Each structure stands twice: as C-alpha cells, then as structure tokens.
Amino acid sequence: IKQAVVGYGKAEKEQVRKMVELHLNIEMGTKLPM
C-alpha cells in the first residue's frame, strides 16, 4: 500500500495520509483520521 501511494515501502503513517490527501485532492484542512 505504501509503495503504491507514497512510492516508498517504509513511509510513516503521516506521509501516507499526506499522499492520500494529495492523490484524492482532499482539502488539507480536514485532517483525515488515520
């Protein structure tokens, strides 16, 4: 999952969240629950 979303298999959860928001164009103000 990390490889697909971040391009790096050892990414931190916080990096994953940022990349998910980026991929899906989700407003950064609405911090998604983990």
Full PDB file with SEQRES, HELIX, SHEET, SSBOND, CRYST1, ORIGX, SCALE, CONECT and MASTER records, all heavy atoms in Angstrom:
SEQRES   1 A   34  ILE LYS GLN ALA VAL VAL GLY TYR GLY LYS ALA GLU LYS          
SEQRES   2 A   34  GLU GLN VAL ARG LYS MET VAL GLU LEU HIS LEU ASN ILE          
SEQRES   3 A   34  GLU MET GLY THR LYS LEU PRO MET                              
HELIX    1 AA1 LYS A    2  VAL A    5  1                                   4    
HELIX    2 AA2 LYS A   13  HIS A   23  1                                  11    
CRYST1    1.000    1.000    1.000  90.00  90.00  90.00 P 1           1          
ORIGX1      1.000000  0.000000  0.000000        0.00000                         
ORIGX2      0.000000  1.000000  0.000000        0.00000                         
ORIGX3      0.000000  0.000000  1.000000        0.00000                         
SCALE1      1.000000  0.000000  0.000000        0.00000                         
SCALE2      0.000000  1.000000  0.000000        0.00000                         
SCALE3      0.000000  0.000000  1.000000        0.00000                         
ATOM      1  N   ILE A   1       0.836  -1.200   0.000  1.00  0.00           N  
ATOM      2  CA  ILE A   1       0.000   0.000   0.000  1.00  0.00           C  
ATOM      3  C   ILE A   1       0.877   1.258   0.000  1.00  0.00           C  
ATOM      4  O   ILE A   1       0.664   2.184  -0.780  1.00  0.00           O  
ATOM      5  CB  ILE A   1      -0.975  -0.005   1.202  1.00  0.00           C  
ATOM      6  CG1 ILE A   1      -1.990  -1.141   1.027  1.00  0.00           C  
ATOM      7  CG2 ILE A   1      -1.675   1.344   1.345  1.00  0.00           C  
ATOM      8  CD1 ILE A   1      -2.871  -1.402   2.245  1.00  0.00           C  
ATOM      9  N   LYS A   2       1.893   1.272   0.881  1.00  0.00           N  
ATOM     10  CA  LYS A   2       2.794   2.427   0.945  1.00  0.00           C  
ATOM     11  C   LYS A   2       3.534   2.616  -0.368  1.00  0.00           C  
ATOM     12  O   LYS A   2       3.724   3.745  -0.837  1.00  0.00           O  
ATOM     13  CB  LYS A   2       3.792   2.250   2.089  1.00  0.00           C  
ATOM     14  CG  LYS A   2       3.153   2.418   3.458  1.00  0.00           C  
ATOM     15  CD  LYS A   2       4.115   2.014   4.559  1.00  0.00           C  
ATOM     16  CE  LYS A   2       3.486   2.211   5.926  1.00  0.00           C  
ATOM     17  NZ  LYS A   2       4.417   1.852   7.001  1.00  0.00           N  
ATOM     18  N   GLN A   3       3.951   1.502  -0.960  1.00  0.00           N  
ATOM     19  CA  GLN A   3       4.647   1.537  -2.247  1.00  0.00           C  
ATOM     20  C   GLN A   3       3.752   2.206  -3.304  1.00  0.00           C  
ATOM     21  O   GLN A   3       4.207   3.043  -4.070  1.00  0.00           O  
ATOM     22  CB  GLN A   3       4.974   0.099  -2.672  1.00  0.00           C  
ATOM     23  CG  GLN A   3       6.075  -0.020  -3.708  1.00  0.00           C  
ATOM     24  CD  GLN A   3       7.470   0.216  -3.133  1.00  0.00           C  
ATOM     25  OE1 GLN A   3       7.847  -0.408  -2.162  1.00  0.00           O  
ATOM     26  NE2 GLN A   3       8.208   1.130  -3.734  1.00  0.00           N  
ATOM     27  N   ALA A   4       2.480   1.816  -3.314  1.00  0.00           N  
ATOM     28  CA  ALA A   4       1.536   2.337  -4.304  1.00  0.00           C  
ATOM     29  C   ALA A   4       1.222   3.816  -4.088  1.00  0.00           C  
ATOM     30  O   ALA A   4       1.131   4.590  -5.032  1.00  0.00           O  
ATOM     31  CB  ALA A   4       0.243   1.526  -4.272  1.00  0.00           C  
ATOM     32  N   VAL A   5       1.064   4.199  -2.832  1.00  0.00           N  
ATOM     33  CA  VAL A   5       0.588   5.547  -2.528  1.00  0.00           C  
ATOM     34  C   VAL A   5       1.718   6.562  -2.392  1.00  0.00           C  
ATOM     35  O   VAL A   5       1.615   7.693  -2.843  1.00  0.00           O  
ATOM     36  CB  VAL A   5      -0.282   5.527  -1.245  1.00  0.00           C  
ATOM     37  CG1 VAL A   5      -0.723   6.911  -0.843  1.00  0.00           C  
ATOM     38  CG2 VAL A   5      -1.496   4.630  -1.457  1.00  0.00           C  
ATOM     39  N   VAL A   6       2.815   6.126  -1.757  1.00  0.00           N  
ATOM     40  CA  VAL A   6       3.927   7.034  -1.474  1.00  0.00           C  
ATOM     41  C   VAL A   6       5.116   6.769  -2.402  1.00  0.00           C  
ATOM     42  O   VAL A   6       5.929   7.645  -2.652  1.00  0.00           O  
ATOM     43  CB  VAL A   6       4.373   6.919   0.011  1.00  0.00           C  
ATOM     44  CG1 VAL A   6       5.428   7.948   0.357  1.00  0.00           C  
ATOM     45  CG2 VAL A   6       3.181   7.058   0.943  1.00  0.00           C  
ATOM     46  N   GLY A   7       5.180   5.517  -2.908  1.00  0.00           N  
ATOM     47  CA  GLY A   7       6.320   5.150  -3.747  1.00  0.00           C  
ATOM     48  C   GLY A   7       7.487   4.685  -2.892  1.00  0.00           C  
ATOM     49  O   GLY A   7       8.614   4.540  -3.368  1.00  0.00           O  
ATOM     50  N   TYR A   8       7.210   4.448  -1.613  1.00  0.00           N  
ATOM     51  CA  TYR A   8       8.261   4.073  -0.671  1.00  0.00           C  
ATOM     52  C   TYR A   8       7.645   3.178   0.393  1.00  0.00           C  
ATOM     53  O   TYR A   8       6.725   3.589   1.105  1.00  0.00           O  
ATOM     54  CB  TYR A   8       8.860   5.348  -0.068  1.00  0.00           C  
ATOM     55  CG  TYR A   8       9.848   5.154   1.060  1.00  0.00           C  
ATOM     56  CD1 TYR A   8      11.013   4.407   0.868  1.00  0.00           C  
ATOM     57  CD2 TYR A   8       9.622   5.716   2.308  1.00  0.00           C  
ATOM     58  CE1 TYR A   8      11.915   4.233   1.908  1.00  0.00           C  
ATOM     59  CE2 TYR A   8      10.526   5.559   3.351  1.00  0.00           C  
ATOM     60  CZ  TYR A   8      11.667   4.805   3.142  1.00  0.00           C  
ATOM     61  OH  TYR A   8      12.560   4.637   4.167  1.00  0.00           O  
ATOM     62  N   GLY A   9       8.127   1.936   0.495  1.00  0.00           N  
ATOM     63  CA  GLY A   9       7.510   0.946   1.358  1.00  0.00           C  
ATOM     64  C   GLY A   9       7.641   1.172   2.850  1.00  0.00           C  
ATOM     65  O   GLY A   9       6.935   0.564   3.635  1.00  0.00           O  
ATOM     66  N   LYS A  10       8.562   2.054   3.247  1.00  0.00           N  
ATOM     67  CA  LYS A  10       8.760   2.252   4.687  1.00  0.00           C  
ATOM     68  C   LYS A  10       8.256   3.620   5.158  1.00  0.00           C  
ATOM     69  O   LYS A  10       8.671   4.121   6.191  1.00  0.00           O  
ATOM     70  CB  LYS A  10      10.247   2.081   5.034  1.00  0.00           C  
ATOM     71  CG  LYS A  10      10.721   0.639   4.814  1.00  0.00           C  
ATOM     72  CD  LYS A  10      11.952   0.332   5.643  1.00  0.00           C  
ATOM     73  CE  LYS A  10      12.273  -1.144   5.739  1.00  0.00           C  
ATOM     74  NZ  LYS A  10      12.037  -1.932   4.517  1.00  0.00           N  
ATOM     75  N   ALA A  11       7.346   4.194   4.379  1.00  0.00           N  
ATOM     76  CA  ALA A  11       6.807   5.512   4.717  1.00  0.00           C  
ATOM     77  C   ALA A  11       6.086   5.508   6.060  1.00  0.00           C  
ATOM     78  O   ALA A  11       5.507   4.502   6.470  1.00  0.00           O  
ATOM     79  CB  ALA A  11       5.848   5.964   3.618  1.00  0.00           C  
ATOM     80  N   GLU A  12       6.141   6.650   6.750  1.00  0.00           N  
ATOM     81  CA  GLU A  12       5.418   6.818   8.012  1.00  0.00           C  
ATOM     82  C   GLU A  12       3.931   7.022   7.708  1.00  0.00           C  
ATOM     83  O   GLU A  12       3.567   7.486   6.632  1.00  0.00           O  
ATOM     84  CB  GLU A  12       5.931   8.057   8.757  1.00  0.00           C  
ATOM     85  CG  GLU A  12       7.395   7.994   9.162  1.00  0.00           C  
ATOM     86  CD  GLU A  12       7.662   6.926  10.213  1.00  0.00           C  
ATOM     87  OE1 GLU A  12       6.796   6.722  11.084  1.00  0.00           O  
ATOM     88  OE2 GLU A  12       8.729   6.298  10.129  1.00  0.00           O  
ATOM     89  N   LYS A  13       3.079   6.726   8.708  1.00  0.00           N  
ATOM     90  CA  LYS A  13       1.635   6.906   8.553  1.00  0.00           C  
ATOM     91  C   LYS A  13       1.273   8.338   8.150  1.00  0.00           C  
ATOM     92  O   LYS A  13       0.366   8.567   7.367  1.00  0.00           O  
ATOM     93  CB  LYS A  13       0.904   6.540   9.848  1.00  0.00           C  
ATOM     94  CG  LYS A  13       0.624   5.049   9.960  1.00  0.00           C  
ATOM     95  CD  LYS A  13      -0.306   4.787  11.141  1.00  0.00           C  
ATOM     96  CE  LYS A  13      -0.660   3.327  11.306  1.00  0.00           C  
ATOM     97  NZ  LYS A  13      -1.469   2.766  10.201  1.00  0.00           N  
ATOM     98  N   GLU A  14       2.006   9.284   8.697  1.00  0.00           N  
ATOM     99  CA  GLU A  14       1.739  10.696   8.405  1.00  0.00           C  
ATOM    100  C   GLU A  14       1.993  11.014   6.927  1.00  0.00           C  
ATOM    101  O   GLU A  14       1.236  11.755   6.298  1.00  0.00           O  
ATOM    102  CB  GLU A  14       2.618  11.574   9.311  1.00  0.00           C  
ATOM    103  CG  GLU A  14       2.208  13.029   9.378  1.00  0.00           C  
ATOM    104  CD  GLU A  14       0.728  13.255   9.713  1.00  0.00           C  
ATOM    105  OE1 GLU A  14       0.245  12.739  10.736  1.00  0.00           O  
ATOM    106  OE2 GLU A  14       0.074  13.962   8.925  1.00  0.00           O  
ATOM    107  N   GLN A  15       3.067  10.416   6.367  1.00  0.00           N  
ATOM    108  CA  GLN A  15       3.374  10.590   4.939  1.00  0.00           C  
ATOM    109  C   GLN A  15       2.272   9.978   4.086  1.00  0.00           C  
ATOM    110  O   GLN A  15       1.886  10.540   3.067  1.00  0.00           O  
ATOM    111  CB  GLN A  15       4.689   9.882   4.577  1.00  0.00           C  
ATOM    112  CG  GLN A  15       5.949  10.651   4.915  1.00  0.00           C  
ATOM    113  CD  GLN A  15       7.180   9.782   4.618  1.00  0.00           C  
ATOM    114  OE1 GLN A  15       7.428   8.796   5.311  1.00  0.00           O  
ATOM    115  NE2 GLN A  15       7.924  10.142   3.597  1.00  0.00           N  
ATOM    116  N   VAL A  16       1.800   8.811   4.523  1.00  0.00           N  
ATOM    117  CA  VAL A  16       0.728   8.129   3.795  1.00  0.00           C  
ATOM    118  C   VAL A  16      -0.506   9.033   3.757  1.00  0.00           C  
ATOM    119  O   VAL A  16      -1.104   9.235   2.708  1.00  0.00           O  
ATOM    120  CB  VAL A  16       0.377   6.761   4.438  1.00  0.00           C  
ATOM    121  CG1 VAL A  16      -0.850   6.140   3.779  1.00  0.00           C  
ATOM    122  CG2 VAL A  16       1.564   5.808   4.357  1.00  0.00           C  
ATOM    123  N   ARG A  17      -0.853   9.612   4.917  1.00  0.00           N  
ATOM    124  CA  ARG A  17      -2.028  10.485   4.977  1.00  0.00           C  
ATOM    125  C   ARG A  17      -1.872  11.680   4.027  1.00  0.00           C  
ATOM    126  O   ARG A  17      -2.794  12.012   3.285  1.00  0.00           O  
ATOM    127  CB  ARG A  17      -2.258  10.979   6.405  1.00  0.00           C  
ATOM    128  CG  ARG A  17      -3.326  12.056   6.439  1.00  0.00           C  
ATOM    129  CD  ARG A  17      -3.983  12.241   7.774  1.00  0.00           C  
ATOM    130  NE  ARG A  17      -3.048  12.561   8.828  1.00  0.00           N  
ATOM    131  CZ  ARG A  17      -3.392  12.564  10.122  1.00  0.00           C  
ATOM    132  NH1 ARG A  17      -4.601  12.232  10.490  1.00  0.00           N  
ATOM    133  NH2 ARG A  17      -2.512  12.875  11.030  1.00  0.00           N  
ATOM    134  N   LYS A  18      -0.692  12.302   4.036  1.00  0.00           N  
ATOM    135  CA  LYS A  18      -0.464  13.456   3.161  1.00  0.00           C  
ATOM    136  C   LYS A  18      -0.612  13.079   1.685  1.00  0.00           C  
ATOM    137  O   LYS A  18      -1.206  13.808   0.904  1.00  0.00           O  
ATOM    138  CB  LYS A  18       0.930  14.046   3.400  1.00  0.00           C  
ATOM    139  CG  LYS A  18       1.039  14.848   4.686  1.00  0.00           C  
ATOM    140  CD  LYS A  18       2.221  15.823   4.627  1.00  0.00           C  
ATOM    141  CE  LYS A  18       2.335  16.637   5.911  1.00  0.00           C  
ATOM    142  NZ  LYS A  18       3.106  15.906   6.950  1.00  0.00           N  
ATOM    143  N   MET A  19      -0.059  11.914   1.323  1.00  0.00           N  
ATOM    144  CA  MET A  19      -0.127  11.474  -0.072  1.00  0.00           C  
ATOM    145  C   MET A  19      -1.553  11.088  -0.476  1.00  0.00           C  
ATOM    146  O   MET A  19      -1.953  11.323  -1.610  1.00  0.00           O  
ATOM    147  CB  MET A  19       0.828  10.299  -0.314  1.00  0.00           C  
ATOM    148  CG  MET A  19       2.289  10.692  -0.354  1.00  0.00           C  
ATOM    149  SD  MET A  19       2.670  12.033  -1.534  1.00  0.00           S  
ATOM    150  CE  MET A  19       2.501  11.155  -3.088  1.00  0.00           C  
ATOM    151  N   VAL A  20      -2.305  10.524   0.446  1.00  0.00           N  
ATOM    152  CA  VAL A  20      -3.708  10.187   0.178  1.00  0.00           C  
ATOM    153  C   VAL A  20      -4.476  11.476  -0.111  1.00  0.00           C  
ATOM    154  O   VAL A  20      -5.230  11.575  -1.079  1.00  0.00           O  
ATOM    155  CB  VAL A  20      -4.350   9.431   1.373  1.00  0.00           C  
ATOM    156  CG1 VAL A  20      -5.873   9.437   1.292  1.00  0.00           C  
ATOM    157  CG2 VAL A  20      -3.835   7.994   1.415  1.00  0.00           C  
ATOM    158  N   GLU A  21      -4.242  12.495   0.723  1.00  0.00           N  
ATOM    159  CA  GLU A  21      -4.920  13.786   0.536  1.00  0.00           C  
ATOM    160  C   GLU A  21      -4.542  14.406  -0.800  1.00  0.00           C  
ATOM    161  O   GLU A  21      -5.373  15.001  -1.483  1.00  0.00           O  
ATOM    162  CB  GLU A  21      -4.595  14.722   1.710  1.00  0.00           C  
ATOM    163  CG  GLU A  21      -5.270  14.276   3.005  1.00  0.00           C  
ATOM    164  CD  GLU A  21      -4.845  15.081   4.232  1.00  0.00           C  
ATOM    165  OE1 GLU A  21      -3.824  15.789   4.163  1.00  0.00           O  
ATOM    166  OE2 GLU A  21      -5.543  14.980   5.257  1.00  0.00           O  
ATOM    167  N   LEU A  22      -3.286  14.213  -1.186  1.00  0.00           N  
ATOM    168  CA  LEU A  22      -2.780  14.741  -2.451  1.00  0.00           C  
ATOM    169  C   LEU A  22      -3.406  14.008  -3.641  1.00  0.00           C  
ATOM    170  O   LEU A  22      -3.930  14.633  -4.567  1.00  0.00           O  
ATOM    171  CB  LEU A  22      -1.250  14.577  -2.472  1.00  0.00           C  
ATOM    172  CG  LEU A  22      -0.420  15.617  -3.203  1.00  0.00           C  
ATOM    173  CD1 LEU A  22      -0.596  16.985  -2.578  1.00  0.00           C  
ATOM    174  CD2 LEU A  22       1.059  15.218  -3.173  1.00  0.00           C  
ATOM    175  N   HIS A  23      -3.339  12.677  -3.607  1.00  0.00           N  
ATOM    176  CA  HIS A  23      -3.897  11.831  -4.673  1.00  0.00           C  
ATOM    177  C   HIS A  23      -5.367  12.138  -4.919  1.00  0.00           C  
ATOM    178  O   HIS A  23      -5.830  12.140  -6.046  1.00  0.00           O  
ATOM    179  CB  HIS A  23      -3.816  10.344  -4.292  1.00  0.00           C  
ATOM    180  CG  HIS A  23      -2.512   9.682  -4.615  1.00  0.00           C  
ATOM    181  ND1 HIS A  23      -2.086   9.445  -5.890  1.00  0.00           N  
ATOM    182  CD2 HIS A  23      -1.549   9.184  -3.803  1.00  0.00           C  
ATOM    183  CE1 HIS A  23      -0.908   8.826  -5.861  1.00  0.00           C  
ATOM    184  NE2 HIS A  23      -0.560   8.674  -4.596  1.00  0.00           N  
ATOM    185  N   LEU A  24      -6.097  12.336  -3.823  1.00  0.00           N  
ATOM    186  CA  LEU A  24      -7.549  12.451  -3.920  1.00  0.00           C  
ATOM    187  C   LEU A  24      -8.026  13.892  -3.853  1.00  0.00           C  
ATOM    188  O   LEU A  24      -9.220  14.144  -3.809  1.00  0.00           O  
ATOM    189  CB  LEU A  24      -8.213  11.630  -2.806  1.00  0.00           C  
ATOM    190  CG  LEU A  24      -7.886  10.136  -2.812  1.00  0.00           C  
ATOM    191  CD1 LEU A  24      -8.582   9.448  -1.648  1.00  0.00           C  
ATOM    192  CD2 LEU A  24      -8.288   9.484  -4.132  1.00  0.00           C  
ATOM    193  N   ASN A  25      -7.081  14.827  -3.834  1.00  0.00           N  
ATOM    194  CA  ASN A  25      -7.456  16.235  -3.830  1.00  0.00           C  
ATOM    195  C   ASN A  25      -8.329  16.614  -2.645  1.00  0.00           C  
ATOM    196  O   ASN A  25      -9.288  17.372  -2.798  1.00  0.00           O  
ATOM    197  CB  ASN A  25      -8.234  16.544  -5.108  1.00  0.00           C  
ATOM    198  CG  ASN A  25      -7.490  17.558  -5.947  1.00  0.00           C  
ATOM    199  OD1 ASN A  25      -6.849  18.457  -5.398  1.00  0.00           O  
ATOM    200  ND2 ASN A  25      -7.563  17.412  -7.247  1.00  0.00           N  
ATOM    201  N   ILE A  26      -8.020  16.047  -1.484  1.00  0.00           N  
ATOM    202  CA  ILE A  26      -8.825  16.339  -0.293  1.00  0.00           C  
ATOM    203  C   ILE A  26      -8.238  17.569   0.384  1.00  0.00           C  
ATOM    204  O   ILE A  26      -7.031  17.674   0.542  1.00  0.00           O  
ATOM    205  CB  ILE A  26      -8.839  15.126   0.675  1.00  0.00           C  
ATOM    206  CG1 ILE A  26      -9.514  13.939   0.001  1.00  0.00           C  
ATOM    207  CG2 ILE A  26      -9.550  15.485   1.975  1.00  0.00           C  
ATOM    208  CD1 ILE A  26      -9.381  12.641   0.769  1.00  0.00           C  
ATOM    209  N   GLU A  27      -9.093  18.495   0.749  1.00  0.00           N  
ATOM    210  CA  GLU A  27      -8.644  19.727   1.381  1.00  0.00           C  
ATOM    211  C   GLU A  27      -7.783  19.432   2.606  1.00  0.00           C  
ATOM    212  O   GLU A  27      -8.171  18.656   3.472  1.00  0.00           O  
ATOM    213  CB  GLU A  27      -9.845  20.581   1.796  1.00  0.00           C  
ATOM    214  CG  GLU A  27     -10.482  21.315   0.643  1.00  0.00           C  
ATOM    215  CD  GLU A  27      -9.484  22.109  -0.187  1.00  0.00           C  
ATOM    216  OE1 GLU A  27      -8.750  22.942   0.387  1.00  0.00           O  
ATOM    217  OE2 GLU A  27      -9.411  21.891  -1.408  1.00  0.00           O  
ATOM    218  N   MET A  28      -6.630  20.066   2.687  1.00  0.00           N  
ATOM    219  CA  MET A  28      -5.700  19.800   3.776  1.00  0.00           C  
ATOM    220  C   MET A  28      -6.247  20.200   5.146  1.00  0.00           C  
ATOM    221  O   MET A  28      -5.767  19.742   6.164  1.00  0.00           O  
ATOM    222  CB  MET A  28      -4.372  20.525   3.534  1.00  0.00           C  
ATOM    223  CG  MET A  28      -3.629  20.018   2.322  1.00  0.00           C  
ATOM    224  SD  MET A  28      -3.333  18.242   2.393  1.00  0.00           S  
ATOM    225  CE  MET A  28      -2.749  17.932   0.730  1.00  0.00           C  
ATOM    226  N   GLY A  29      -7.259  21.056   5.165  1.00  0.00           N  
ATOM    227  CA  GLY A  29      -7.826  21.489   6.432  1.00  0.00           C  
ATOM    228  C   GLY A  29      -8.527  20.359   7.176  1.00  0.00           C  
ATOM    229  O   GLY A  29      -8.601  20.354   8.388  1.00  0.00           O  
ATOM    230  N   THR A  30      -9.017  19.383   6.409  1.00  0.00           N  
ATOM    231  CA  THR A  30      -9.814  18.307   7.002  1.00  0.00           C  
ATOM    232  C   THR A  30      -8.948  17.094   7.330  1.00  0.00           C  
ATOM    233  O   THR A  30      -9.119  16.058   6.734  1.00  0.00           O  
ATOM    234  CB  THR A  30     -10.897  17.830   6.023  1.00  0.00           C  
ATOM    235  OG1 THR A  30     -10.214  17.303   4.854  1.00  0.00           O  
ATOM    236  CG2 THR A  30     -11.794  18.950   5.594  1.00  0.00           C  
ATOM    237  N   LYS A  31      -8.032  17.246   8.263  1.00  0.00           N  
ATOM    238  CA  LYS A  31      -7.117  16.137   8.572  1.00  0.00           C  
ATOM    239  C   LYS A  31      -7.881  14.826   8.773  1.00  0.00           C  
ATOM    240  O   LYS A  31      -8.686  14.698   9.680  1.00  0.00           O  
ATOM    241  CB  LYS A  31      -6.300  16.463   9.832  1.00  0.00           C  
ATOM    242  CG  LYS A  31      -4.820  16.479   9.543  1.00  0.00           C  
ATOM    243  CD  LYS A  31      -4.010  16.563  10.813  1.00  0.00           C  
ATOM    244  CE  LYS A  31      -2.533  16.356  10.462  1.00  0.00           C  
ATOM    245  NZ  LYS A  31      -1.703  16.170  11.629  1.00  0.00           N  
ATOM    246  N   LEU A  32      -7.638  13.890   7.893  1.00  0.00           N  
ATOM    247  CA  LEU A  32      -8.336  12.608   7.962  1.00  0.00           C  
ATOM    248  C   LEU A  32      -7.859  11.789   9.159  1.00  0.00           C  
ATOM    249  O   LEU A  32      -6.669  11.758   9.442  1.00  0.00           O  
ATOM    250  CB  LEU A  32      -8.049  11.793   6.695  1.00  0.00           C  
ATOM    251  CG  LEU A  32      -8.587  12.291   5.368  1.00  0.00           C  
ATOM    252  CD1 LEU A  32      -7.945  11.510   4.229  1.00  0.00           C  
ATOM    253  CD2 LEU A  32     -10.092  12.145   5.314  1.00  0.00           C  
ATOM    254  N   PRO A  33      -8.785  11.094   9.832  1.00  0.00           N  
ATOM    255  CA  PRO A  33      -8.351  10.162  10.875  1.00  0.00           C  
ATOM    256  C   PRO A  33      -7.478   9.076  10.234  1.00  0.00           C  
ATOM    257  O   PRO A  33      -7.699   8.727   9.067  1.00  0.00           O  
ATOM    258  CB  PRO A  33      -9.655   9.550  11.392  1.00  0.00           C  
ATOM    259  CG  PRO A  33     -10.743  10.395  10.862  1.00  0.00           C  
ATOM    260  CD  PRO A  33     -10.240  11.108   9.661  1.00  0.00           C  
ATOM    261  N   MET A  34      -6.510   8.539  10.963  1.00  0.00           N  
ATOM    262  CA  MET A  34      -5.587   7.536  10.424  1.00  0.00           C  
ATOM    263  C   MET A  34      -6.306   6.318   9.851  1.00  0.00           C  
ATOM    264  O   MET A  34      -5.918   5.803   8.814  1.00  0.00           O  
ATOM    265  CB  MET A  34      -4.604   7.065  11.502  1.00  0.00           C  
ATOM    266  CG  MET A  34      -3.513   8.067  11.802  1.00  0.00           C  
ATOM    267  SD  MET A  34      -2.481   8.475  10.359  1.00  0.00           S  
ATOM    268  CE  MET A  34      -1.309   9.568  11.143  1.00  0.00           C  
TER     269      MET A  34                                                      
MASTER        0    0    0    2    0    0    0    6  268    1    0    3          
END                                                                             
